[in-house]
Amino acid sequence: MVAEAGQTYSASEVAQHGTMDDFWIIIHDEVYDITSFVSKHPGGPVIEPYAGLDATDVFDAMHPEWVTKWLPPYRIGSLNKPNATPFQAEYRALRADFVKEGLYESRKTFYATMASISLALVATGIVCIGVMPNTWCWNAIGCVALAFFWQQNGWISHDYLHYSVFDSRLSNWVLPWILGAVGSGYTYIWWSRKHNTHHAVPNIVDGDPDIDTMPILAWSERNIQRVGPLGAFARFWVRNQAWFFMPLLAFARISWTIQSGMTVFEDAEQYAVWRRSNKSLTAWRYIESFGQILYWTWTFALFFVSQDSLVHAVGLWLAAQLLSGLLLASPFVVNHSGMEVFHEGSARYVNFFELQARTGRNIDPSLFMNWFTGGLNFQIEHHLYPRMPRHSYPLIKPRVEALCAKHNIPYHSVGFFTGLAEVVQHLAKTGASVDRVVADDKSL
């Protein structure tokens, strides 16, 4: 039976249409049947956990206003009564206040300054390694400059790809292609699949790819249970994962650039299917492939032409990559790692605001920390309002914290090294449970 656009439904009726083959969704008390659209969603599978649910808050958080023009063809009716709880209505009103106050308007001079700093870092790195005398001092300075360049490019590209700087899609894609794909080897295609899903369901098992890291790291006992039988070496590794954690972070950047390349090259057929309804988006894969080629070309040329031996070239390249991995991954893991982990399907039971707050860890702000972390030290604010430019986060922090206090929702903010210590302690605690969890599974 085809639903009529004037029909009304209860939230429980909508919930009965919660599969990929029968996909309804609620946005601002309007009901949409997006079954034919799900596989073509530009943000990828991020939408899937919200089948049959009210996606108002995650929709508003992730999409620019102009995306609403795509909704009317899929509308099949309305809810028979408002679906928001008093708390949801309160935090939605707070977001509306932020919009009215202009806190979503980016300062272009701010982002020009961030980009200028990044370009100054890469220029320093190229000059020190490729032009100056081939001494350990100049090479060390060059490696540090490039490490920070690659780190800062990640944060800048992150801002643009969240539509925090410009309104249009193309305007927000150009600089991330220059700094991200060409400058750093990151691709939007890889990032959007992984990061958008993380935002929708942070720290939810079987949803958030950032905690789907078994058998390398286990963030909860549920992670251990889900992978099935673990051999002796895997149990040893997880048991001692807290010791391996920091060395692993150093390889994060190398891993992410490789994953970016695999996404645009090896997953070409899958990506074309995913974007089959939008030729312009599918074509972007080829643009990003070209960007990746340029990245590997200039980085290898810089290191391997400037050095007098292959060993020196590889060692210097690896040093810059590993240092950048630490600079990039250490703030990243403090943001959510070791915070509360939810079981599968929790998006059905925990409201958007509370989920973001309970799974996020802020790092106490300072002028340096705000720059070093790319504004992601305001992690709770960022997850609640990801399209807000980072320079507005210090302004809204007291109001978000006050709302959390009013409704007894945890708001966790610590120093950077305290946060890292909490992550390591959490890994140690989870790792210590591996033998018991495996034994319990065998007894079932």
Protein backbone atom coordinates (compact mmCIF):
# COMPACT_ATOMS: atom_id res chain seq x y z
CA MET A 1 0.00 0.00 0.00
CA VAL A 2 1.34 3.43 -0.93
CA ALA A 3 1.12 5.95 1.90
CA GLU A 4 -0.52 9.31 1.27
CA ALA A 5 1.34 12.55 2.02
CA GLY A 6 -1.51 13.80 4.22
CA GLN A 7 -1.63 10.72 6.41
CA THR A 8 -0.61 10.73 10.07
CA TYR A 9 1.40 8.08 11.90
CA SER A 10 2.49 7.33 15.43
CA ALA A 11 6.17 6.99 16.25
CA SER A 12 5.60 3.30 16.96
CA GLU A 13 4.11 2.82 13.48
CA VAL A 14 7.15 4.45 11.92
CA ALA A 15 9.40 2.17 13.97
CA GLN A 16 7.90 -0.85 12.19
CA HIS A 17 9.57 0.36 8.98
CA GLY A 18 13.14 0.01 10.16
CA THR A 19 14.96 -2.09 7.58
CA MET A 20 17.03 -1.27 4.52
CA ASP A 21 14.21 -2.59 2.33
CA ASP A 22 11.56 -0.61 4.17
CA PHE A 23 13.19 2.54 5.51
CA TRP A 24 11.10 5.28 7.11
CA ILE A 25 12.46 8.14 9.14
CA ILE A 26 11.18 11.11 11.18
CA ILE A 27 12.54 14.65 10.77
CA HIS A 28 10.84 17.52 12.61
CA ASP A 29 7.67 15.46 13.11
CA GLU A 30 7.37 14.76 9.38
CA VAL A 31 7.55 11.17 8.13
CA TYR A 32 9.65 10.22 5.12
CA ASP A 33 9.97 6.96 3.22
CA ILE A 34 13.56 7.04 1.98
CA THR A 35 13.87 3.38 1.03
CA SER A 36 14.88 4.27 -2.52
CA PHE A 37 17.35 6.90 -1.30
CA VAL A 38 19.32 5.09 1.42
CA SER A 39 21.83 3.43 -0.91
CA LYS A 40 22.39 6.78 -2.65
CA HIS A 41 22.84 8.85 0.49
CA PRO A 42 25.84 11.19 -0.13
CA GLY A 43 26.99 10.71 3.46
CA GLY A 44 27.15 6.95 3.01
CA PRO A 45 25.94 4.39 5.58
CA VAL A 46 25.82 6.95 8.39
CA ILE A 47 22.04 7.05 7.93
CA GLU A 48 21.44 3.33 8.47
CA PRO A 49 21.29 3.24 12.31
CA TYR A 50 18.30 5.60 12.22
CA ALA A 51 15.91 3.40 10.24
CA GLY A 52 12.45 3.79 11.76
CA LEU A 53 13.63 6.43 14.23
CA ASP A 54 13.46 10.16 14.82
CA ALA A 55 16.58 11.52 13.11
CA THR A 56 15.79 15.21 13.65
CA ASP A 57 18.81 16.05 15.76
CA VAL A 58 21.42 14.14 13.80
CA PHE A 59 19.96 15.55 10.56
CA ASP A 60 20.16 19.13 11.82
CA ALA A 61 23.64 18.57 13.21
CA MET A 62 25.14 17.16 10.03
CA HIS A 63 23.39 18.96 7.17
CA PRO A 64 23.41 22.52 5.83
CA GLU A 65 20.02 24.19 5.52
CA TRP A 66 19.90 23.74 1.74
CA VAL A 67 19.73 19.94 2.08
CA THR A 68 16.10 20.26 3.20
CA LYS A 69 15.12 20.90 -0.42
CA TRP A 70 15.75 17.19 -1.09
CA LEU A 71 13.17 16.05 1.47
CA PRO A 72 9.69 16.85 0.00
CA PRO A 73 9.63 14.07 -2.64
CA TYR A 74 10.05 11.48 0.12
CA ARG A 75 7.47 12.87 2.55
CA ILE A 76 4.56 10.48 3.18
CA GLY A 77 2.87 12.17 6.13
CA SER A 78 3.25 13.59 9.62
CA LEU A 79 3.37 12.33 13.18
CA ASN A 80 0.04 12.32 14.96
CA LYS A 81 1.60 14.22 17.86
CA PRO A 82 4.92 15.98 18.56
CA ASN A 83 7.68 13.51 19.24
CA ALA A 84 10.16 15.66 21.19
CA THR A 85 10.53 15.29 24.94
CA PRO A 86 10.78 18.52 26.99
CA PHE A 87 14.56 18.03 27.17
CA GLN A 88 14.84 17.57 23.40
CA ALA A 89 12.76 20.69 22.86
CA GLU A 90 15.10 22.59 25.19
CA TYR A 91 18.35 21.66 23.47
CA ARG A 92 16.80 22.22 20.04
CA ALA A 93 15.82 25.71 21.20
CA LEU A 94 19.41 26.27 22.34
CA ARG A 95 20.67 25.35 18.89
CA ALA A 96 18.15 27.76 17.33
CA ASP A 97 19.52 30.50 19.61
CA PHE A 98 23.05 29.78 18.41
CA VAL A 99 21.90 30.14 14.80
CA LYS A 100 20.15 33.45 15.53
CA GLU A 101 23.24 34.77 17.30
CA GLY A 102 25.37 34.15 14.23
CA LEU A 103 27.55 31.51 15.89
CA TYR A 104 27.32 29.33 12.79
CA GLU A 105 28.84 32.09 10.65
CA SER A 106 32.51 31.45 10.01
CA ARG A 107 35.20 34.10 10.17
CA LYS A 108 37.03 33.71 6.89
CA THR A 109 40.05 35.55 8.29
CA PHE A 110 40.36 32.87 10.98
CA TYR A 111 40.50 30.07 8.45
CA ALA A 112 42.83 32.05 6.20
CA THR A 113 45.17 32.34 9.18
CA MET A 114 45.00 28.60 9.89
CA ALA A 115 45.74 27.80 6.23
CA SER A 116 48.62 30.30 6.18
CA ILE A 117 50.21 28.67 9.23
CA SER A 118 49.87 25.28 7.55
CA LEU A 119 51.45 26.51 4.32
CA ALA A 120 54.28 28.12 6.29
CA LEU A 121 54.94 24.75 7.95
CA VAL A 122 55.17 22.85 4.67
CA ALA A 123 57.40 25.54 3.15
CA THR A 124 59.69 25.25 6.17
CA GLY A 125 59.78 21.48 5.84
CA ILE A 126 60.57 21.54 2.13
CA VAL A 127 63.30 24.16 2.50
CA CYS A 128 64.95 22.45 5.48
CA ILE A 129 64.98 18.98 3.90
CA GLY A 130 65.27 19.79 0.21
CA VAL A 131 67.31 23.02 0.07
CA MET A 132 69.41 23.48 3.21
CA PRO A 133 72.62 21.52 3.86
CA ASN A 134 71.96 17.84 4.48
CA THR A 135 72.63 17.83 8.23
CA TRP A 136 70.76 16.19 11.08
CA CYS A 137 69.74 19.60 12.46
CA TRP A 138 68.07 20.88 9.29
CA ASN A 139 66.52 17.48 8.62
CA ALA A 140 65.11 17.34 12.17
CA ILE A 141 63.57 20.80 11.85
CA GLY A 142 62.11 19.82 8.48
CA CYS A 143 60.59 16.62 9.87
CA VAL A 144 58.97 18.46 12.78
CA ALA A 145 57.57 21.12 10.44
CA LEU A 146 56.11 18.51 8.09
CA ALA A 147 54.70 16.51 11.00
CA PHE A 148 52.79 19.57 12.23
CA PHE A 149 51.79 20.42 8.65
CA TRP A 150 50.17 17.02 8.17
CA GLN A 151 48.53 17.24 11.59
CA GLN A 152 47.08 20.70 11.04
CA ASN A 153 45.88 19.78 7.56
CA GLY A 154 43.76 17.08 9.14
CA TRP A 155 42.05 19.60 11.42
CA ILE A 156 41.57 22.23 8.69
CA SER A 157 40.15 19.71 6.22
CA HIS A 158 37.90 18.40 8.98
CA ASP A 159 36.40 21.88 9.46
CA TYR A 160 35.72 22.38 5.77
CA LEU A 161 34.24 18.94 5.24
CA HIS A 162 31.81 19.52 8.09
CA TYR A 163 30.57 22.55 6.09
CA SER A 164 31.81 24.83 8.86
CA VAL A 165 33.43 27.42 6.59
CA PHE A 166 31.29 27.87 3.47
CA ASP A 167 27.70 27.02 2.57
CA SER A 168 28.19 25.24 -0.74
CA ARG A 169 29.55 21.73 -1.15
CA LEU A 170 32.14 22.62 -3.81
CA SER A 171 33.55 25.54 -1.81
CA ASN A 172 34.10 23.24 1.15
CA TRP A 173 35.76 20.55 -0.96
CA VAL A 174 38.44 22.58 -2.77
CA LEU A 175 40.82 23.35 0.11
CA PRO A 176 40.56 19.87 1.65
CA TRP A 177 41.58 18.49 -1.74
CA ILE A 178 44.64 20.77 -1.82
CA LEU A 179 45.67 20.38 1.82
CA GLY A 180 44.09 16.99 2.46
CA ALA A 181 44.49 14.82 -0.64
CA VAL A 182 47.50 16.51 -2.29
CA GLY A 183 49.17 17.84 0.85
CA SER A 184 48.55 14.99 3.28
CA GLY A 185 47.23 11.93 1.46
CA TYR A 186 43.80 11.99 3.12
CA THR A 187 40.69 11.64 0.95
CA TYR A 188 37.18 12.92 1.53
CA ILE A 189 35.68 9.63 0.33
CA TRP A 190 37.47 7.66 3.04
CA TRP A 191 36.85 10.34 5.66
CA SER A 192 33.11 10.70 4.96
CA ARG A 193 32.42 6.99 5.29
CA LYS A 194 34.27 6.69 8.56
CA HIS A 195 33.84 10.04 10.27
CA ASN A 196 30.20 10.79 9.50
CA THR A 197 29.17 7.41 10.87
CA HIS A 198 31.22 8.06 14.00
CA HIS A 199 29.32 11.32 14.53
CA ALA A 200 25.94 9.65 14.20
CA VAL A 201 26.61 6.80 16.62
CA PRO A 202 29.72 7.59 18.73
CA ASN A 203 30.97 4.73 20.90
CA ILE A 204 28.11 2.46 19.89
CA VAL A 205 29.28 -1.09 19.24
CA ASP A 206 28.59 -2.30 15.70
CA GLY A 207 28.03 1.31 14.65
CA ASP A 208 31.01 3.53 15.37
CA PRO A 209 34.00 2.50 13.21
CA ASP A 210 36.38 4.27 15.61
CA ILE A 211 35.83 1.57 18.25
CA ASP A 212 35.69 -1.28 15.74
CA THR A 213 39.39 -1.97 16.24
CA MET A 214 39.53 -5.60 17.37
CA PRO A 215 41.77 -7.54 17.55
CA ILE A 216 44.21 -4.61 17.71
CA LEU A 217 42.47 -2.73 20.55
CA ALA A 218 39.43 -3.62 22.66
CA TRP A 219 37.45 -0.67 24.04
CA SER A 220 34.82 -2.74 25.85
CA GLU A 221 34.08 -6.32 26.82
CA ARG A 222 31.40 -6.31 24.15
CA ASN A 223 34.09 -5.68 21.52
CA ILE A 224 35.85 -8.83 22.71
CA GLN A 225 32.67 -10.90 22.71
CA ARG A 226 31.74 -9.93 19.17
CA VAL A 227 34.93 -11.12 17.46
CA GLY A 228 34.41 -14.72 18.47
CA PRO A 229 37.14 -17.16 19.60
CA LEU A 230 40.51 -15.57 20.35
CA GLY A 231 43.76 -17.51 20.12
CA ALA A 232 46.54 -17.37 22.70
CA PHE A 233 48.46 -14.61 20.92
CA ALA A 234 45.33 -12.45 20.45
CA ARG A 235 44.49 -12.80 24.14
CA PHE A 236 48.08 -11.89 25.07
CA TRP A 237 47.91 -8.83 22.84
CA VAL A 238 44.59 -7.58 24.23
CA ARG A 239 45.67 -8.35 27.78
CA ASN A 240 48.70 -6.08 27.32
CA GLN A 241 47.13 -3.56 24.92
CA ALA A 242 47.75 -0.63 27.26
CA TRP A 243 51.50 -1.12 26.76
CA PHE A 244 51.22 -1.27 22.98
CA PHE A 245 48.86 1.69 22.70
CA MET A 246 51.22 4.66 22.38
CA PRO A 247 53.56 2.97 19.85
CA LEU A 248 50.48 2.07 17.78
CA LEU A 249 49.41 5.72 17.67
CA ALA A 250 52.62 6.62 15.87
CA PHE A 251 51.53 4.48 12.89
CA ALA A 252 48.06 6.08 12.69
CA ARG A 253 48.92 8.55 9.94
CA ILE A 254 50.55 5.94 7.73
CA SER A 255 47.53 3.70 8.24
CA TRP A 256 45.06 6.47 7.38
CA THR A 257 46.85 7.45 4.17
CA ILE A 258 46.92 3.81 3.09
CA GLN A 259 43.21 3.44 3.90
CA SER A 260 42.51 6.59 1.89
CA GLY A 261 44.27 5.11 -1.11
CA MET A 262 42.50 1.79 -0.76
CA THR A 263 39.16 3.59 -0.68
CA VAL A 264 39.65 5.53 -3.90
CA PHE A 265 41.47 2.77 -5.80
CA GLU A 266 40.57 -0.70 -4.54
CA ASP A 267 36.97 0.14 -3.63
CA ALA A 268 36.28 1.78 -6.99
CA GLU A 269 33.52 -0.61 -8.03
CA GLN A 270 31.79 -0.49 -4.65
CA TYR A 271 32.05 3.30 -4.56
CA ALA A 272 30.51 3.64 -8.01
CA VAL A 273 27.55 1.57 -6.87
CA TRP A 274 27.23 3.62 -3.70
CA ARG A 275 27.15 6.89 -5.69
CA ARG A 276 25.44 5.53 -8.78
CA SER A 277 22.71 8.17 -8.79
CA ASN A 278 25.09 11.12 -8.71
CA LYS A 279 27.69 11.23 -11.46
CA SER A 280 29.37 14.35 -10.13
CA LEU A 281 30.05 12.66 -6.78
CA THR A 282 31.28 9.49 -8.46
CA ALA A 283 33.65 11.59 -10.58
CA TRP A 284 35.11 13.06 -7.40
CA ARG A 285 36.72 9.68 -6.77
CA TYR A 286 38.94 10.20 -9.81
CA ILE A 287 39.88 13.71 -8.66
CA GLU A 288 40.87 12.35 -5.27
CA SER A 289 42.83 9.53 -6.91
CA PHE A 290 44.83 12.15 -8.77
CA GLY A 291 45.35 14.02 -5.50
CA GLN A 292 46.72 10.87 -3.87
CA ILE A 293 49.15 10.36 -6.75
CA LEU A 294 50.38 13.93 -6.34
CA TYR A 295 50.82 13.44 -2.60
CA TRP A 296 52.97 10.32 -2.87
CA THR A 297 54.95 11.91 -5.71
CA TRP A 298 55.97 15.09 -3.89
CA THR A 299 56.67 13.41 -0.55
CA PHE A 300 58.82 10.65 -2.00
CA ALA A 301 60.62 13.10 -4.26
CA LEU A 302 61.40 15.38 -1.31
CA PHE A 303 62.87 12.68 0.89
CA PHE A 304 64.45 10.34 -1.63
CA VAL A 305 66.06 12.99 -3.85
CA SER A 306 67.46 15.05 -0.99
CA GLN A 307 69.19 12.24 0.90
CA ASP A 308 72.50 10.59 0.07
CA SER A 309 71.31 7.04 0.73
CA LEU A 310 68.15 4.98 0.63
CA VAL A 311 68.50 4.19 4.34
CA HIS A 312 68.64 7.88 5.27
CA ALA A 313 65.67 8.68 3.02
CA VAL A 314 63.48 5.92 4.46
CA GLY A 315 64.51 6.75 8.02
CA LEU A 316 63.79 10.44 7.62
CA TRP A 317 60.45 9.84 5.90
CA LEU A 318 59.44 7.36 8.60
CA ALA A 319 60.47 9.75 11.39
CA ALA A 320 58.28 12.53 9.98
CA GLN A 321 55.33 10.16 9.50
CA LEU A 322 55.55 8.60 12.96
CA LEU A 323 55.88 11.96 14.70
CA SER A 324 52.87 13.26 12.80
CA GLY A 325 50.97 10.12 13.75
CA LEU A 326 51.54 10.85 17.43
CA LEU A 327 50.61 14.52 17.01
CA LEU A 328 47.44 13.62 15.14
CA ALA A 329 46.23 10.51 16.94
CA SER A 330 46.90 11.54 20.54
CA PRO A 331 44.28 14.35 20.59
CA PHE A 332 42.00 12.15 18.50
CA VAL A 333 41.94 9.26 20.99
CA VAL A 334 41.41 11.54 23.99
CA ASN A 335 38.18 12.78 22.40
CA HIS A 336 36.17 9.57 22.95
CA SER A 337 38.40 6.62 23.80
CA GLY A 338 37.82 5.30 27.28
CA MET A 339 34.48 7.06 27.62
CA GLU A 340 31.17 5.23 27.95
CA VAL A 341 30.57 2.52 25.33
CA PHE A 342 27.01 1.59 24.34
CA HIS A 343 25.73 -1.73 23.02
CA GLU A 344 24.27 -2.23 19.56
CA GLY A 345 21.06 -0.37 18.75
CA SER A 346 21.46 2.20 21.53
CA ALA A 347 20.54 5.02 19.15
CA ARG A 348 16.97 3.84 19.66
CA TYR A 349 17.06 4.50 23.39
CA VAL A 350 19.51 7.35 24.07
CA ASN A 351 18.68 10.84 22.81
CA PHE A 352 21.17 12.57 20.54
CA PHE A 353 22.34 15.21 23.02
CA GLU A 354 22.94 12.77 25.84
CA LEU A 355 24.75 10.29 23.58
CA GLN A 356 27.19 12.95 22.36
CA ALA A 357 27.84 14.31 25.86
CA ARG A 358 28.30 10.95 27.58
CA THR A 359 30.72 9.64 24.98
CA GLY A 360 32.79 12.85 24.59
CA ARG A 361 35.80 14.06 26.58
CA ASN A 362 36.85 17.72 26.39
CA ILE A 363 40.45 18.85 26.82
CA ASP A 364 40.80 21.98 28.94
CA PRO A 365 41.19 24.96 26.58
CA SER A 366 44.15 27.26 26.10
CA LEU A 367 45.36 29.26 23.10
CA PHE A 368 47.92 26.58 22.24
CA MET A 369 45.61 23.62 22.91
CA ASN A 370 42.84 25.14 20.80
CA TRP A 371 45.28 25.31 17.87
CA PHE A 372 47.09 22.03 18.54
CA THR A 373 43.84 20.02 18.59
CA GLY A 374 42.13 21.97 15.82
CA GLY A 375 39.36 22.99 18.21
CA LEU A 376 38.52 19.35 18.90
CA ASN A 377 39.41 19.87 22.55
CA PHE A 378 35.80 21.16 22.61
CA GLN A 379 34.74 17.66 21.63
CA ILE A 380 31.33 17.70 23.28
CA GLU A 381 30.42 21.01 21.64
CA HIS A 382 31.76 19.78 18.31
CA HIS A 383 29.68 16.61 18.39
CA LEU A 384 26.55 18.51 19.30
CA TYR A 385 27.14 21.20 16.66
CA PRO A 386 29.60 19.78 14.10
CA ARG A 387 28.85 22.41 11.47
CA MET A 388 29.65 25.27 13.83
CA PRO A 389 33.07 26.85 13.14
CA ARG A 390 35.57 25.97 15.83
CA HIS A 391 36.15 29.60 16.84
CA SER A 392 32.59 29.66 18.25
CA TYR A 393 33.06 26.70 20.58
CA PRO A 394 34.62 28.68 23.46
CA LEU A 395 31.56 30.97 23.33
CA ILE A 396 28.98 28.19 23.67
CA LYS A 397 30.89 25.98 26.10
CA PRO A 398 29.44 27.56 29.31
CA ARG A 399 25.88 27.24 28.00
CA VAL A 400 26.31 23.60 26.96
CA GLU A 401 27.91 22.78 30.29
CA ALA A 402 25.05 24.52 32.13
CA LEU A 403 22.45 22.52 30.21
CA CYS A 404 24.26 19.29 31.08
CA ALA A 405 24.37 20.26 34.76
CA LYS A 406 20.66 21.14 34.74
CA HIS A 407 19.72 17.68 33.45
CA ASN A 408 22.40 15.69 35.36
CA ILE A 409 24.26 14.72 32.19
CA PRO A 410 28.01 14.15 32.63
CA TYR A 411 30.27 16.82 31.12
CA HIS A 412 33.85 15.63 31.26
CA SER A 413 36.77 18.02 30.71
CA VAL A 414 40.37 17.27 31.73
CA GLY A 415 43.93 18.24 30.90
CA PHE A 416 45.52 16.68 27.82
CA PHE A 417 47.87 14.31 29.65
CA THR A 418 45.21 13.41 32.20
CA GLY A 419 42.98 12.45 29.30
CA LEU A 420 45.68 10.26 27.78
CA ALA A 421 46.18 8.59 31.17
CA GLU A 422 42.44 7.88 31.39
CA VAL A 423 42.53 6.23 27.96
CA VAL A 424 45.48 4.00 28.90
CA GLN A 425 43.84 3.05 32.22
CA HIS A 426 40.63 2.13 30.40
CA LEU A 427 42.57 -0.06 27.96
CA ALA A 428 44.35 -1.77 30.85
CA LYS A 429 41.04 -2.47 32.61
CA THR A 430 39.39 -3.83 29.46
CA GLY A 431 42.45 -5.88 28.56
CA ALA A 432 42.51 -7.46 32.01
CA SER A 433 39.02 -8.87 31.36
CA VAL A 434 39.88 -10.73 28.16
CA ASP A 435 40.50 -14.16 29.73
CA ARG A 436 37.29 -13.98 31.76
CA VAL A 437 35.23 -12.85 28.75
CA VAL A 438 36.64 -15.60 26.53
CA ALA A 439 36.05 -18.19 29.26
CA ASP A 440 32.46 -17.00 29.75
CA ASP A 441 31.81 -17.29 26.01
CA LYS A 442 33.12 -20.86 25.96
CA SER A 443 30.84 -21.80 28.86
CA LEU A 444 27.68 -20.73 27.03
